PDB file of N, CA and C in Angstrom:
ATOM      1  N   MET A   1      21.729   2.590  -1.613  1.00  0.00           N
ATOM      2  CA  MET A   1      21.498   3.794  -1.054  1.00  0.00           C
ATOM      3  C   MET A   1      20.434   3.593   0.056  1.00  0.00           C
ATOM      4  N   THR A   2      20.202   4.232   1.066  1.00  0.00           N
ATOM      5  CA  THR A   2      19.038   3.828   1.853  1.00  0.00           C
ATOM      6  C   THR A   2      18.184   5.254   2.167  1.00  0.00           C
ATOM      7  N   LEU A   3      16.865   5.120   2.415  1.00  0.00           N
ATOM      8  CA  LEU A   3      15.866   6.351   2.845  1.00  0.00           C
ATOM      9  C   LEU A   3      15.658   6.337   4.296  1.00  0.00           C
ATOM     10  N   ASP A   4      16.134   6.948   4.728  1.00  0.00           N
ATOM     11  CA  ASP A   4      16.031   7.305   6.512  1.00  0.00           C
ATOM     12  C   ASP A   4      16.461   6.334   7.313  1.00  0.00           C
ATOM     13  N   GLY A   5      17.763   5.807   6.859  1.00  0.00           N
ATOM     14  CA  GLY A   5      18.439   4.577   7.272  1.00  0.00           C
ATOM     15  C   GLY A   5      17.641   3.202   6.907  1.00  0.00           C
ATOM     16  N   HIS A   6      16.713   3.091   6.219  1.00  0.00           N
ATOM     17  CA  HIS A   6      16.253   1.754   5.725  1.00  0.00           C
ATOM     18  C   HIS A   6      16.362   1.448   4.442  1.00  0.00           C
ATOM     19  N   ASP A   7      16.588   0.142   4.092  1.00  0.00           N
ATOM     20  CA  ASP A   7      16.870  -0.192   2.566  1.00  0.00           C
ATOM     21  C   ASP A   7      15.386   0.028   2.096  1.00  0.00           C
ATOM     22  N   PRO A   8      15.374   0.463   0.929  1.00  0.00           N
ATOM     23  CA  PRO A   8      14.181   0.824   0.080  1.00  0.00           C
ATOM     24  C   PRO A   8      13.401  -0.511  -0.485  1.00  0.00           C
ATOM     25  N   ALA A   9      13.475  -1.394  -0.052  1.00  0.00           N
ATOM     26  CA  ALA A   9      12.725  -2.852  -0.182  1.00  0.00           C
ATOM     27  C   ALA A   9      10.969  -2.588  -0.079  1.00  0.00           C
ATOM     28  N   PRO A  10      10.345  -2.966  -0.785  1.00  0.00           N
ATOM     29  CA  PRO A  10       9.089  -3.711  -0.833  1.00  0.00           C
ATOM     30  C   PRO A  10       8.650  -3.908   0.861  1.00  0.00           C
ATOM     31  N   ALA A  11       7.894  -3.535   1.442  1.00  0.00           N
ATOM     32  CA  ALA A  11       7.334  -3.610   2.454  1.00  0.00           C
ATOM     33  C   ALA A  11       5.459  -4.545   2.445  1.00  0.00           C
ATOM     34  N   TRP A  12       5.115  -4.091   1.710  1.00  0.00           N
ATOM     35  CA  TRP A  12       3.585  -4.116   1.954  1.00  0.00           C
ATOM     36  C   TRP A  12       3.135  -3.852   0.298  1.00  0.00           C
ATOM     37  N   PHE A  13       2.032  -4.397  -0.232  1.00  0.00           N
ATOM     38  CA  PHE A  13       1.219  -3.739  -1.371  1.00  0.00           C
ATOM     39  C   PHE A  13      -0.248  -3.888  -1.308  1.00  0.00           C
ATOM     40  N   ASP A  14      -1.039  -3.189  -2.075  1.00  0.00           N
ATOM     41  CA  ASP A  14      -2.369  -3.069  -1.951  1.00  0.00           C
ATOM     42  C   ASP A  14      -2.932  -2.859  -3.073  1.00  0.00           C
ATOM     43  N   VAL A  15      -4.013  -3.650  -3.502  1.00  0.00           N
ATOM     44  CA  VAL A  15      -4.787  -3.702  -4.659  1.00  0.00           C
ATOM     45  C   VAL A  15      -5.734  -3.016  -4.564  1.00  0.00           C
ATOM     46  N   SER A  16      -6.397  -1.740  -4.947  1.00  0.00           N
ATOM     47  CA  SER A  16      -7.535  -1.273  -4.891  1.00  0.00           C
ATOM     48  C   SER A  16      -8.192  -1.509  -6.408  1.00  0.00           C
ATOM     49  N   SER A  17      -9.448  -1.949  -6.104  1.00  0.00           N
ATOM     50  CA  SER A  17     -10.411  -2.258  -7.107  1.00  0.00           C
ATOM     51  C   SER A  17     -11.955  -1.985  -7.000  1.00  0.00           C
ATOM     52  N   PRO A  18     -12.307  -1.272  -7.928  1.00  0.00           N
ATOM     53  CA  PRO A  18     -13.730  -1.163  -7.946  1.00  0.00           C
ATOM     54  C   PRO A  18     -14.802  -2.527  -8.078  1.00  0.00           C
ATOM     55  N   ASP A  19     -14.211  -3.580  -7.536  1.00  0.00           N
ATOM     56  CA  ASP A  19     -15.098  -4.852  -7.634  1.00  0.00           C
ATOM     57  C   ASP A  19     -13.859  -5.904  -6.544  1.00  0.00           C
ATOM     58  N   ALA A  20     -14.017  -5.645  -5.637  1.00  0.00           N
ATOM     59  CA  ALA A  20     -12.830  -6.239  -4.521  1.00  0.00           C
ATOM     60  C   ALA A  20     -13.236  -7.572  -4.639  1.00  0.00           C
ATOM     61  N   ALA A  21     -14.522  -8.233  -4.711  1.00  0.00           N
ATOM     62  CA  ALA A  21     -14.788  -9.514  -4.562  1.00  0.00           C
ATOM     63  C   ALA A  21     -13.871 -10.202  -5.961  1.00  0.00           C
ATOM     64  N   ARG A  22     -14.335  -9.495  -7.027  1.00  0.00           N
ATOM     65  CA  ARG A  22     -13.392 -10.103  -8.300  1.00  0.00           C
ATOM     66  C   ARG A  22     -12.155 -10.259  -8.173  1.00  0.00           C
ATOM     67  N   ALA A  23     -11.784  -8.961  -7.608  1.00  0.00           N
ATOM     68  CA  ALA A  23      -9.850  -8.995  -7.617  1.00  0.00           C
ATOM     69  C   ALA A  23      -9.771  -9.962  -6.498  1.00  0.00           C
ATOM     70  N   ARG A  24      -9.957 -10.608  -5.343  1.00  0.00           N
ATOM     71  CA  ARG A  24      -9.799 -11.210  -4.654  1.00  0.00           C
ATOM     72  C   ARG A  24      -9.758 -12.531  -5.230  1.00  0.00           C
ATOM     73  N   ARG A  25     -10.810 -12.996  -6.152  1.00  0.00           N
ATOM     74  CA  ARG A  25     -11.007 -14.366  -6.895  1.00  0.00           C
ATOM     75  C   ARG A  25      -9.792 -14.425  -7.774  1.00  0.00           C
ATOM     76  N   PHE A  26      -9.823 -13.288  -8.255  1.00  0.00           N
ATOM     77  CA  PHE A  26      -8.688 -13.206  -9.723  1.00  0.00           C
ATOM     78  C   PHE A  26      -7.278 -13.701  -9.217  1.00  0.00           C
ATOM     79  N   TYR A  27      -6.600 -12.911  -7.979  1.00  0.00           N
ATOM     80  CA  TYR A  27      -5.392 -12.952  -7.430  1.00  0.00           C
ATOM     81  C   TYR A  27      -5.219 -14.408  -6.562  1.00  0.00           C
ATOM     82  N   GLN A  28      -6.302 -14.884  -5.988  1.00  0.00           N
ATOM     83  CA  GLN A  28      -6.158 -16.088  -5.149  1.00  0.00           C
ATOM     84  C   GLN A  28      -6.023 -17.032  -6.649  1.00  0.00           C
ATOM     85  N   ASP A  29      -7.160 -17.136  -7.271  1.00  0.00           N
ATOM     86  CA  ASP A  29      -6.870 -18.205  -8.557  1.00  0.00           C
ATOM     87  C   ASP A  29      -5.531 -18.252  -9.116  1.00  0.00           C
ATOM     88  N   LEU A  30      -5.078 -16.686  -9.512  1.00  0.00           N
ATOM     89  CA  LEU A  30      -3.727 -16.793 -10.286  1.00  0.00           C
ATOM     90  C   LEU A  30      -2.670 -17.337  -9.382  1.00  0.00           C
ATOM     91  N   PHE A  31      -2.489 -16.997  -8.235  1.00  0.00           N
ATOM     92  CA  PHE A  31      -1.189 -16.899  -7.522  1.00  0.00           C
ATOM     93  C   PHE A  31      -1.504 -17.994  -6.233  1.00  0.00           C
ATOM     94  N   GLY A  32      -2.600 -18.362  -6.074  1.00  0.00           N
ATOM     95  CA  GLY A  32      -2.965 -19.679  -4.828  1.00  0.00           C
ATOM     96  C   GLY A  32      -2.671 -18.776  -3.608  1.00  0.00           C
ATOM     97  N   TRP A  33      -3.012 -17.352  -3.516  1.00  0.00           N
ATOM     98  CA  TRP A  33      -2.707 -16.865  -2.332  1.00  0.00           C
ATOM     99  C   TRP A  33      -4.058 -17.295  -1.256  1.00  0.00           C
ATOM    100  N   THR A  34      -3.610 -16.993   0.027  1.00  0.00           N
ATOM    101  CA  THR A  34      -4.469 -17.355   1.068  1.00  0.00           C
ATOM    102  C   THR A  34      -5.160 -15.805   0.981  1.00  0.00           C
ATOM    103  N   VAL A  35      -6.541 -15.771   1.236  1.00  0.00           N
ATOM    104  CA  VAL A  35      -7.083 -14.456   1.261  1.00  0.00           C
ATOM    105  C   VAL A  35      -8.061 -14.678   2.726  1.00  0.00           C
ATOM    106  N   ASN A  36      -7.799 -13.467   3.305  1.00  0.00           N
ATOM    107  CA  ASN A  36      -8.566 -13.520   4.783  1.00  0.00           C
ATOM    108  C   ASN A  36      -9.283 -12.204   4.846  1.00  0.00           C
ATOM    109  N   VAL A  37     -10.781 -12.293   4.195  1.00  0.00           N
ATOM    110  CA  VAL A  37     -11.559 -11.251   4.263  1.00  0.00           C
ATOM    111  C   VAL A  37     -11.806 -10.813   5.609  1.00  0.00           C
ATOM    112  N   LEU A  38     -11.724  -9.469   5.644  1.00  0.00           N
ATOM    113  CA  LEU A  38     -12.069  -8.798   6.814  1.00  0.00           C
ATOM    114  C   LEU A  38     -13.315  -8.071   6.967  1.00  0.00           C
ATOM    115  N   ASP A  39     -13.562  -7.576   5.778  1.00  0.00           N
ATOM    116  CA  ASP A  39     -14.826  -7.258   6.020  1.00  0.00           C
ATOM    117  C   ASP A  39     -15.305  -6.767   4.345  1.00  0.00           C
ATOM    118  N   ASP A  40     -16.540  -6.372   3.989  1.00  0.00           N
ATOM    119  CA  ASP A  40     -16.658  -5.882   2.545  1.00  0.00           C
ATOM    120  C   ASP A  40     -15.830  -5.023   1.846  1.00  0.00           C
ATOM    121  N   THR A  41     -14.864  -4.494   2.460  1.00  0.00           N
ATOM    122  CA  THR A  41     -14.127  -3.385   1.751  1.00  0.00           C
ATOM    123  C   THR A  41     -12.588  -3.964   2.044  1.00  0.00           C
ATOM    124  N   TYR A  42     -12.341  -5.011   2.855  1.00  0.00           N
ATOM    125  CA  TYR A  42     -10.841  -5.258   2.627  1.00  0.00           C
ATOM    126  C   TYR A  42     -10.451  -6.802   3.013  1.00  0.00           C
ATOM    127  N   ALA A  43      -9.425  -7.080   2.518  1.00  0.00           N
ATOM    128  CA  ALA A  43      -8.894  -8.753   3.014  1.00  0.00           C
ATOM    129  C   ALA A  43      -7.709  -8.382   2.776  1.00  0.00           C
ATOM    130  N   LEU A  44      -6.872  -9.439   3.536  1.00  0.00           N
ATOM    131  CA  LEU A  44      -5.346  -9.590   3.903  1.00  0.00           C
ATOM    132  C   LEU A  44      -4.917 -10.816   2.757  1.00  0.00           C
ATOM    133  N   VAL A  45      -4.034 -11.009   1.971  1.00  0.00           N
ATOM    134  CA  VAL A  45      -3.407 -11.763   1.189  1.00  0.00           C
ATOM    135  C   VAL A  45      -1.909 -12.334   1.492  1.00  0.00           C
ATOM    136  N   GLY A  46      -1.805 -13.591   1.438  1.00  0.00           N
ATOM    137  CA  GLY A  46      -0.419 -13.779   1.604  1.00  0.00           C
ATOM    138  C   GLY A  46      -0.368 -15.369   1.492  1.00  0.00           C
ATOM    139  N   ALA A  47       0.760 -15.804   1.525  1.00  0.00           N
ATOM    140  CA  ALA A  47       1.210 -17.274   1.453  1.00  0.00           C
ATOM    141  C   ALA A  47       0.499 -18.193   2.651  1.00  0.00           C
ATOM    142  N   ASP A  48       0.406 -19.528   2.619  1.00  0.00           N
ATOM    143  CA  ASP A  48      -0.342 -20.446   3.363  1.00  0.00           C
ATOM    144  C   ASP A  48       0.602 -20.447   4.583  1.00  0.00           C
ATOM    145  N   GLY A  49       0.434 -19.905   5.777  1.00  0.00           N
ATOM    146  CA  GLY A  49       0.801 -20.169   6.654  1.00  0.00           C
ATOM    147  C   GLY A  49       2.053 -18.935   7.161  1.00  0.00           C
ATOM    148  N   GLY A  50       2.132 -17.827   6.270  1.00  0.00           N
ATOM    149  CA  GLY A  50       2.933 -16.954   6.649  1.00  0.00           C
ATOM    150  C   GLY A  50       2.200 -15.857   6.820  1.00  0.00           C
ATOM    151  N   GLU A  51       2.780 -14.806   7.083  1.00  0.00           N
ATOM    152  CA  GLU A  51       2.260 -13.390   7.386  1.00  0.00           C
ATOM    153  C   GLU A  51       1.900 -12.630   5.856  1.00  0.00           C
ATOM    154  N   PRO A  52       0.761 -11.891   5.928  1.00  0.00           N
ATOM    155  CA  PRO A  52      -0.112 -11.423   4.780  1.00  0.00           C
ATOM    156  C   PRO A  52       1.261 -10.271   4.176  1.00  0.00           C
ATOM    157  N   ALA A  53       1.054 -10.703   3.124  1.00  0.00           N
ATOM    158  CA  ALA A  53       2.054  -9.602   1.968  1.00  0.00           C
ATOM    159  C   ALA A  53       1.432  -8.337   1.460  1.00  0.00           C
ATOM    160  N   GLY A  54       0.268  -8.456   1.815  1.00  0.00           N
ATOM    161  CA  GLY A  54      -0.497  -7.313   1.150  1.00  0.00           C
ATOM    162  C   GLY A  54      -1.969  -7.187   1.252  1.00  0.00           C
ATOM    163  N   GLY A  55      -2.675  -6.468   0.583  1.00  0.00           N
ATOM    164  CA  GLY A  55      -4.060  -6.588   0.566  1.00  0.00           C
ATOM    165  C   GLY A  55      -4.891  -6.165  -0.511  1.00  0.00           C
ATOM    166  N   ILE A  56      -6.520  -6.426  -0.482  1.00  0.00           N
ATOM    167  CA  ILE A  56      -7.187  -6.111  -1.730  1.00  0.00           C
ATOM    168  C   ILE A  56      -7.988  -5.539  -1.127  1.00  0.00           C
ATOM    169  N   GLY A  57      -8.241  -4.325  -1.388  1.00  0.00           N
ATOM    170  CA  GLY A  57      -9.614  -3.328  -0.839  1.00  0.00           C
ATOM    171  C   GLY A  57     -10.304  -2.978  -1.813  1.00  0.00           C
ATOM    172  N   GLN A  58     -11.706  -2.560  -1.700  1.00  0.00           N
ATOM    173  CA  GLN A  58     -12.721  -1.816  -2.390  1.00  0.00           C
ATOM    174  C   GLN A  58     -12.394  -0.370  -2.562  1.00  0.00           C
ATOM    175  N   ALA A  59     -12.370   0.187  -3.890  1.00  0.00           N
ATOM    176  CA  ALA A  59     -12.230   1.129  -4.596  1.00  0.00           C
ATOM    177  C   ALA A  59     -13.664   1.736  -4.573  1.00  0.00           C
ATOM    178  N   GLY A  60     -13.581   3.237  -3.715  1.00  0.00           N
ATOM    179  CA  GLY A  60     -14.959   3.844  -4.272  1.00  0.00           C
ATOM    180  C   GLY A  60     -14.831   5.178  -4.660  1.00  0.00           C
ATOM    181  N   PRO A  61     -15.683   5.998  -4.632  1.00  0.00           N
ATOM    182  CA  PRO A  61     -15.669   7.463  -5.231  1.00  0.00           C
ATOM    183  C   PRO A  61     -14.569   8.266  -4.513  1.00  0.00           C
ATOM    184  N   GLY A  62     -14.859   8.108  -3.244  1.00  0.00           N
ATOM    185  CA  GLY A  62     -13.510   8.915  -2.489  1.00  0.00           C
ATOM    186  C   GLY A  62     -11.911   8.380  -2.181  1.00  0.00           C
ATOM    187  N   SER A  63     -11.883   7.086  -3.168  1.00  0.00           N
ATOM    188  CA  SER A  63     -10.513   6.407  -2.861  1.00  0.00           C
ATOM    189  C   SER A  63      -9.523   7.250  -3.470  1.00  0.00           C
ATOM    190  N   PRO A  64      -8.357   7.366  -2.709  1.00  0.00           N
ATOM    191  CA  PRO A  64      -7.277   7.872  -3.414  1.00  0.00           C
ATOM    192  C   PRO A  64      -6.327   7.271  -4.395  1.00  0.00           C
ATOM    193  N   TYR A  65      -6.905   6.000  -4.838  1.00  0.00           N
ATOM    194  CA  TYR A  65      -6.033   5.371  -6.176  1.00  0.00           C
ATOM    195  C   TYR A  65      -6.832   4.132  -6.568  1.00  0.00           C
ATOM    196  N   THR A  66      -6.555   3.741  -7.399  1.00  0.00           N
ATOM    197  CA  THR A  66      -7.071   2.248  -8.109  1.00  0.00           C
ATOM    198  C   THR A  66      -5.998   1.654  -8.629  1.00  0.00           C
ATOM    199  N   GLY A  67      -5.881   0.441  -8.284  1.00  0.00           N
ATOM    200  CA  GLY A  67      -4.582  -0.232  -9.075  1.00  0.00           C
ATOM    201  C   GLY A  67      -3.903  -0.963  -7.928  1.00  0.00           C
ATOM    202  N   ILE A  68      -2.413  -1.020  -8.237  1.00  0.00           N
ATOM    203  CA  ILE A  68      -1.678  -1.484  -7.536  1.00  0.00           C
ATOM    204  C   ILE A  68      -0.673  -0.717  -6.932  1.00  0.00           C
ATOM    205  N   VAL A  69      -0.428  -0.398  -5.522  1.00  0.00           N
ATOM    206  CA  VAL A  69       0.281   0.332  -4.792  1.00  0.00           C
ATOM    207  C   VAL A  69       1.370  -0.183  -4.080  1.00  0.00           C
ATOM    208  N   VAL A  70       2.667  -0.228  -4.252  1.00  0.00           N
ATOM    209  CA  VAL A  70       3.720  -0.825  -3.563  1.00  0.00           C
ATOM    210  C   VAL A  70       4.352   0.324  -2.440  1.00  0.00           C
ATOM    211  N   TYR A  71       4.532  -0.300  -1.053  1.00  0.00           N
ATOM    212  CA  TYR A  71       4.792   0.487  -0.250  1.00  0.00           C
ATOM    213  C   TYR A  71       6.189   0.125   0.237  1.00  0.00           C
ATOM    214  N   PHE A  72       6.692   1.308   0.964  1.00  0.00           N
ATOM    215  CA  PHE A  72       8.003   0.953   1.208  1.00  0.00           C
ATOM    216  C   PHE A  72       8.309   1.427   2.571  1.00  0.00           C
ATOM    217  N   ARG A  73       9.313   0.740   3.534  1.00  0.00           N
ATOM    218  CA  ARG A  73       9.169   0.982   4.796  1.00  0.00           C
ATOM    219  C   ARG A  73      10.311   2.107   5.040  1.00  0.00           C
ATOM    220  N   VAL A  74      10.036   3.362   5.493  1.00  0.00           N
ATOM    221  CA  VAL A  74      10.945   4.100   6.191  1.00  0.00           C
ATOM    222  C   VAL A  74      10.891   4.571   7.554  1.00  0.00           C
ATOM    223  N   ALA A  75      11.586   5.110   8.078  1.00  0.00           N
ATOM    224  CA  ALA A  75      11.840   5.486   9.522  1.00  0.00           C
ATOM    225  C   ALA A  75      10.703   6.498  10.172  1.00  0.00           C
ATOM    226  N   ASP A  76      10.384   7.719   9.012  1.00  0.00           N
ATOM    227  CA  ASP A  76       9.504   8.603   9.286  1.00  0.00           C
ATOM    228  C   ASP A  76       8.629   8.918   8.450  1.00  0.00           C
ATOM    229  N   VAL A  77       7.573   8.576   7.994  1.00  0.00           N
ATOM    230  CA  VAL A  77       6.550   8.610   6.902  1.00  0.00           C
ATOM    231  C   VAL A  77       6.651  10.446   6.488  1.00  0.00           C
ATOM    232  N   ASP A  78       6.422  11.397   7.859  1.00  0.00           N
ATOM    233  CA  ASP A  78       6.314  12.555   7.301  1.00  0.00           C
ATOM    234  C   ASP A  78       7.617  13.123   6.457  1.00  0.00           C
ATOM    235  N   GLU A  79       8.969  13.020   7.070  1.00  0.00           N
ATOM    236  CA  GLU A  79       9.863  13.085   6.666  1.00  0.00           C
ATOM    237  C   GLU A  79      10.315  12.492   4.985  1.00  0.00           C
ATOM    238  N   ALA A  80      10.042  11.331   5.016  1.00  0.00           N
ATOM    239  CA  ALA A  80       9.982  10.621   3.717  1.00  0.00           C
ATOM    240  C   ALA A  80       9.491  11.202   2.432  1.00  0.00           C
ATOM    241  N   LEU A  81       8.056  11.272   3.261  1.00  0.00           N
ATOM    242  CA  LEU A  81       6.917  12.414   2.315  1.00  0.00           C
ATOM    243  C   LEU A  81       7.328  13.647   1.677  1.00  0.00           C
ATOM    244  N   ALA A  82       8.182  14.472   2.686  1.00  0.00           N
ATOM    245  CA  ALA A  82       8.509  15.739   2.430  1.00  0.00           C
ATOM    246  C   ALA A  82       9.751  15.471   1.566  1.00  0.00           C
ATOM    247  N   ARG A  83      10.365  14.758   1.565  1.00  0.00           N
ATOM    248  CA  ARG A  83      11.737  14.459   0.547  1.00  0.00           C
ATOM    249  C   ARG A  83      11.082  14.107  -0.618  1.00  0.00           C
ATOM    250  N   ALA A  84      10.106  13.345  -0.681  1.00  0.00           N
ATOM    251  CA  ALA A  84       9.440  12.852  -2.070  1.00  0.00           C
ATOM    252  C   ALA A  84       8.916  14.211  -2.922  1.00  0.00           C
ATOM    253  N   GLU A  85       8.486  14.817  -2.042  1.00  0.00           N
ATOM    254  CA  GLU A  85       7.745  16.437  -2.499  1.00  0.00           C
ATOM    255  C   GLU A  85       8.732  17.488  -2.988  1.00  0.00           C
ATOM    256  N   ALA A  86       9.954  17.303  -2.447  1.00  0.00           N
ATOM    257  CA  ALA A  86      10.988  18.010  -2.566  1.00  0.00           C
ATOM    258  C   ALA A  86      11.818  17.801  -4.036  1.00  0.00           C
ATOM    259  N   LEU A  87      11.526  16.277  -4.086  1.00  0.00           N
ATOM    260  CA  LEU A  87      12.240  15.784  -5.563  1.00  0.00           C
ATOM    261  C   LEU A  87      11.337  15.744  -6.683  1.00  0.00           C
ATOM    262  N   GLY A  88      10.196  16.143  -6.369  1.00  0.00           N
ATOM    263  CA  GLY A  88       9.135  16.229  -7.690  1.00  0.00           C
ATOM    264  C   GLY A  88       7.784  15.439  -7.664  1.00  0.00           C
ATOM    265  N   GLY A  89       7.598  14.598  -6.582  1.00  0.00           N
ATOM    266  CA  GLY A  89       6.733  13.892  -6.358  1.00  0.00           C
ATOM    267  C   GLY A  89       5.520  14.988  -5.618  1.00  0.00           C
ATOM    268  N   LYS A  90       4.174  14.105  -6.038  1.00  0.00           N
ATOM    269  CA  LYS A  90       3.057  15.073  -5.255  1.00  0.00           C
ATOM    270  C   LYS A  90       2.244  13.991  -4.469  1.00  0.00           C
ATOM    271  N   ARG A  91       1.963  14.903  -3.194  1.00  0.00           N
ATOM    272  CA  ARG A  91       1.323  13.740  -2.332  1.00  0.00           C
ATOM    273  C   ARG A  91      -0.100  13.680  -2.742  1.00  0.00           C
ATOM    274  N   ARG A  92      -0.538  12.150  -2.297  1.00  0.00           N
ATOM    275  CA  ARG A  92      -1.755  11.626  -2.828  1.00  0.00           C
ATOM    276  C   ARG A  92      -2.878  11.584  -1.628  1.00  0.00           C
ATOM    277  N   LEU A  93      -1.952  10.972  -0.661  1.00  0.00           N
ATOM    278  CA  LEU A  93      -2.607  10.790   0.569  1.00  0.00           C
ATOM    279  C   LEU A  93      -2.094  11.124   1.670  1.00  0.00           C
ATOM    280  N   ASP A  94      -2.662  12.198   2.394  1.00  0.00           N
ATOM    281  CA  ASP A  94      -2.061  12.493   3.488  1.00  0.00           C
ATOM    282  C   ASP A  94      -1.593  11.492   4.594  1.00  0.00           C
ATOM    283  N   PRO A  95      -0.293  11.467   5.497  1.00  0.00           N
ATOM    284  CA  PRO A  95      -0.280  10.635   6.303  1.00  0.00           C
ATOM    285  C   PRO A  95      -1.263  10.258   7.457  1.00  0.00           C
ATOM    286  N   ARG A  96      -1.312   9.155   7.726  1.00  0.00           N
ATOM    287  CA  ARG A  96      -2.596   8.556   8.752  1.00  0.00           C
ATOM    288  C   ARG A  96      -2.164   7.253   9.641  1.00  0.00           C
ATOM    289  N   ALA A  97      -2.816   7.195  10.584  1.00  0.00           N
ATOM    290  CA  ALA A  97      -2.343   5.873  11.398  1.00  0.00           C
ATOM    291  C   ALA A  97      -2.870   4.819  11.050  1.00  0.00           C
ATOM    292  N   LEU A  98      -2.412   3.582  11.174  1.00  0.00           N
ATOM    293  CA  LEU A  98      -2.718   2.171  11.040  1.00  0.00           C
ATOM    294  C   LEU A  98      -2.637   1.578  12.206  1.00  0.00           C
ATOM    295  N   PRO A  99      -3.797   1.303  13.068  1.00  0.00           N
ATOM    296  CA  PRO A  99      -3.853   0.733  13.894  1.00  0.00           C
ATOM    297  C   PRO A  99      -2.955  -0.295  14.288  1.00  0.00           C
ATOM    298  N   GLY A 100      -2.061  -0.257  15.365  1.00  0.00           N
ATOM    299  CA  GLY A 100      -0.942  -1.373  15.568  1.00  0.00           C
ATOM    300  C   GLY A 100       0.148  -1.590  14.840  1.00  0.00           C
ATOM    301  N   GLN A 101       0.197  -0.749  13.497  1.00  0.00           N
ATOM    302  CA  GLN A 101       0.812  -0.783  12.671  1.00  0.00           C
ATOM    303  C   GLN A 101       1.848   0.279  12.289  1.00  0.00           C
ATOM    304  N   GLY A 102       1.828   1.478  12.944  1.00  0.00           N
ATOM    305  CA  GLY A 102       2.322   2.527  12.503  1.00  0.00           C
ATOM    306  C   GLY A 102       1.696   3.740  12.081  1.00  0.00           C
ATOM    307  N   ARG A 103       2.153   4.222  10.698  1.00  0.00           N
ATOM    308  CA  ARG A 103       1.556   5.056   9.859  1.00  0.00           C
ATOM    309  C   ARG A 103       1.903   5.077   8.355  1.00  0.00           C
ATOM    310  N   MET A 104       0.933   5.443   7.384  1.00  0.00           N
ATOM    311  CA  MET A 104       1.437   5.374   6.227  1.00  0.00           C
ATOM    312  C   MET A 104       0.763   6.697   5.484  1.00  0.00           C
ATOM    313  N   ALA A 105       1.393   6.547   3.989  1.00  0.00           N
ATOM    314  CA  ALA A 105       1.045   7.748   3.425  1.00  0.00           C
ATOM    315  C   ALA A 105       1.059   7.403   1.666  1.00  0.00           C
ATOM    316  N   VAL A 106       0.650   8.098   1.134  1.00  0.00           N
ATOM    317  CA  VAL A 106       1.037   7.918  -0.491  1.00  0.00           C
ATOM    318  C   VAL A 106       1.122   9.165  -1.566  1.00  0.00           C
ATOM    319  N   PHE A 107       2.225   9.095  -2.380  1.00  0.00           N
ATOM    320  CA  PHE A 107       2.346   9.987  -3.215  1.00  0.00           C
ATOM    321  C   PHE A 107       2.690   9.431  -4.595  1.00  0.00           C
ATOM    322  N   ASP A 108       2.445  10.508  -5.412  1.00  0.00           N
ATOM    323  CA  ASP A 108       2.676  10.047  -7.137  1.00  0.00           C
ATOM    324  C   ASP A 108       4.256  10.513  -7.323  1.00  0.00           C
ATOM    325  N   ASP A 109       4.773   9.569  -7.856  1.00  0.00           N
ATOM    326  CA  ASP A 109       6.343   9.891  -8.529  1.00  0.00           C
ATOM    327  C   ASP A 109       5.945  10.755  -9.685  1.00  0.00           C
ATOM    328  N   PRO A 110       7.176  11.821  -9.967  1.00  0.00           N
ATOM    329  CA  PRO A 110       7.174  12.426 -11.070  1.00  0.00           C
ATOM    330  C   PRO A 110       6.467  11.987 -12.424  1.00  0.00           C
ATOM    331  N   ASP A 111       6.438  10.625 -12.874  1.00  0.00           N
ATOM    332  CA  ASP A 111       5.573  10.244 -13.843  1.00  0.00           C
ATOM    333  C   ASP A 111       4.192  10.004 -13.434  1.00  0.00           C
ATOM    334  N   GLY A 112       3.537  10.048 -12.303  1.00  0.00           N
ATOM    335  CA  GLY A 112       2.197  10.006 -11.976  1.00  0.00           C
ATOM    336  C   GLY A 112       1.957   8.610 -11.199  1.00  0.00           C
ATOM    337  N   ASN A 113       2.940   7.506 -10.926  1.00  0.00           N
ATOM    338  CA  ASN A 113       2.851   6.549 -10.500  1.00  0.00           C
ATOM    339  C   ASN A 113       2.788   6.437  -9.054  1.00  0.00           C
ATOM    340  N   PRO A 114       1.712   5.653  -8.428  1.00  0.00           N
ATOM    341  CA  PRO A 114       1.320   6.207  -6.823  1.00  0.00           C
ATOM    342  C   PRO A 114       2.467   5.258  -6.276  1.00  0.00           C
ATOM    343  N   VAL A 115       3.042   5.484  -4.933  1.00  0.00           N
ATOM    344  CA  VAL A 115       3.964   5.161  -4.133  1.00  0.00           C
ATOM    345  C   VAL A 115       3.567   5.066  -3.008  1.00  0.00           C
ATOM    346  N   GLY A 116       3.426   4.014  -2.018  1.00  0.00           N
ATOM    347  CA  GLY A 116       3.239   4.196  -0.416  1.00  0.00           C
ATOM    348  C   GLY A 116       4.376   4.162   0.217  1.00  0.00           C
ATOM    349  N   LEU A 117       4.180   4.741   1.468  1.00  0.00           N
ATOM    350  CA  LEU A 117       5.225   4.835   2.577  1.00  0.00           C
ATOM    351  C   LEU A 117       4.634   4.284   3.867  1.00  0.00           C
ATOM    352  N   LEU A 118       5.438   3.430   4.540  1.00  0.00           N
ATOM    353  CA  LEU A 118       4.700   2.851   6.071  1.00  0.00           C
ATOM    354  C   LEU A 118       6.307   3.248   6.939  1.00  0.00           C
ATOM    355  N   GLY A 119       5.528   3.533   8.098  1.00  0.00           N
ATOM    356  CA  GLY A 119       6.479   3.836   9.046  1.00  0.00           C
ATOM    357  C   GLY A 119       5.991   4.680  10.506  1.00  0.00           C
ATOM    358  N   ALA A 120       7.113   4.999  10.988  1.00  0.00           N
ATOM    359  CA  ALA A 120       6.295   5.947  12.281  1.00  0.00           C
ATOM    360  C   ALA A 120       5.900   7.265  11.960  1.00  0.00           C
TER     361      ALA A 120
END
C-alpha cells in the first residue's frame, strides 16, 4: 500500500539526545558512520562516500522529542499529517520548511511512538 503515491519506506532518521556529542561518538564507534558536524546542535551521519542517511541533534528543553525518529517520504506533508490525525495520531511538530529539502512534520502514532514525515 502507498501513502500519497509513495512507498512508505524510511527516508531519514534523527537521533535527538540531551548529549549530542556523546551520541555522535557512540553511533560512530558502533556503526563506523562518517559524522559531519554542522554545528553544536546537529551532525549529518552516513556511510563513507555516500549521502547522509540521518542526523544526530542536540535535544534541549524545547525539543519536540528525544530518541530516534524515522521519517517517511510523502508527496504532501500536510495531507499525510491530516490523515495520520484522522486515524488516531497526534501532531507533535507542525509542518516546517527544511532549507532546500522540502518540508517535515512529526506525529505520535496511537501508541505514542514519534513518526516523521518528509515531503512537499
